Amino acid sequence: MAYKISDECLACGACEGTCPNQAISEGDGKYVIDPDKCIDCGACAEGCPVDAISEA
């Protein structure tokens, strides 16, 4: 199950660089995770300063 980014996202981009599969990209007002690329490693959640990323 892929991770997801909530509306708490500040669009700071901290998570994008932590993803080993380049599954995170800038969306409309917040970052988004491509579920087809997400390997459920959790690196993005650990890198988020506002805990806006969780398992879907």
Protein backbone atom coordinates (compact mmCIF):
# COMPACT_ATOMS: atom_id res chain seq x y z
CA MET A 1 0.00 0.00 0.00
CA ALA A 2 1.46 3.35 -1.05
CA TYR A 3 2.03 6.29 1.23
CA LYS A 4 -0.05 9.45 0.86
CA ILE A 5 0.50 13.12 1.59
CA SER A 6 -2.22 14.96 3.52
CA ASP A 7 -3.40 18.55 3.22
CA GLU A 8 -1.01 19.37 6.10
CA CYS A 9 1.75 19.43 3.46
CA LEU A 10 3.65 22.73 3.39
CA ALA A 11 5.05 22.05 -0.11
CA CYS A 12 8.57 22.43 1.28
CA GLY A 13 9.93 19.62 -0.91
CA ALA A 14 11.82 17.85 1.89
CA CYS A 15 10.19 14.53 1.01
CA GLU A 16 10.97 14.63 -2.69
CA GLY A 17 14.69 14.15 -2.22
CA THR A 18 14.26 11.27 0.23
CA CYS A 19 12.37 9.01 -2.18
CA PRO A 20 14.64 6.37 -3.75
CA ASN A 21 12.14 5.77 -6.58
CA GLN A 22 11.40 9.38 -7.54
CA ALA A 23 7.73 8.72 -6.73
CA ILE A 24 7.14 12.20 -5.27
CA SER A 25 6.49 15.29 -7.33
CA GLU A 26 5.12 18.78 -6.83
CA GLY A 27 1.36 18.89 -7.21
CA ASP A 28 -1.22 21.64 -6.94
CA GLY A 29 -0.41 23.27 -3.60
CA LYS A 30 1.18 20.16 -2.10
CA TYR A 31 3.41 17.28 -3.10
CA VAL A 32 1.93 14.00 -4.35
CA ILE A 33 3.11 10.39 -4.36
CA ASP A 34 2.70 8.21 -7.44
CA PRO A 35 1.30 4.95 -6.00
CA ASP A 36 2.65 2.96 -8.94
CA LYS A 37 6.21 4.02 -8.11
CA CYS A 38 5.95 3.95 -4.30
CA ILE A 39 7.75 0.96 -2.74
CA ASP A 40 6.42 1.57 0.80
CA CYS A 41 9.86 2.23 2.29
CA GLY A 42 8.70 5.14 4.50
CA ALA A 43 11.71 7.35 3.78
CA CYS A 44 9.42 10.22 2.78
CA ALA A 45 7.47 10.06 6.05
CA GLU A 46 10.69 10.21 8.04
CA GLY A 47 11.79 13.28 6.07
CA CYS A 48 8.57 15.27 6.45
CA PRO A 49 8.95 18.08 9.03
CA VAL A 50 5.18 18.32 9.68
CA ASP A 51 4.26 14.60 9.63
CA ALA A 52 1.99 15.07 6.60
CA ILE A 53 2.87 11.66 5.13
CA SER A 54 1.31 8.38 6.22
CA GLU A 55 0.45 4.94 4.90
CA ALA A 56 -2.64 5.03 2.72
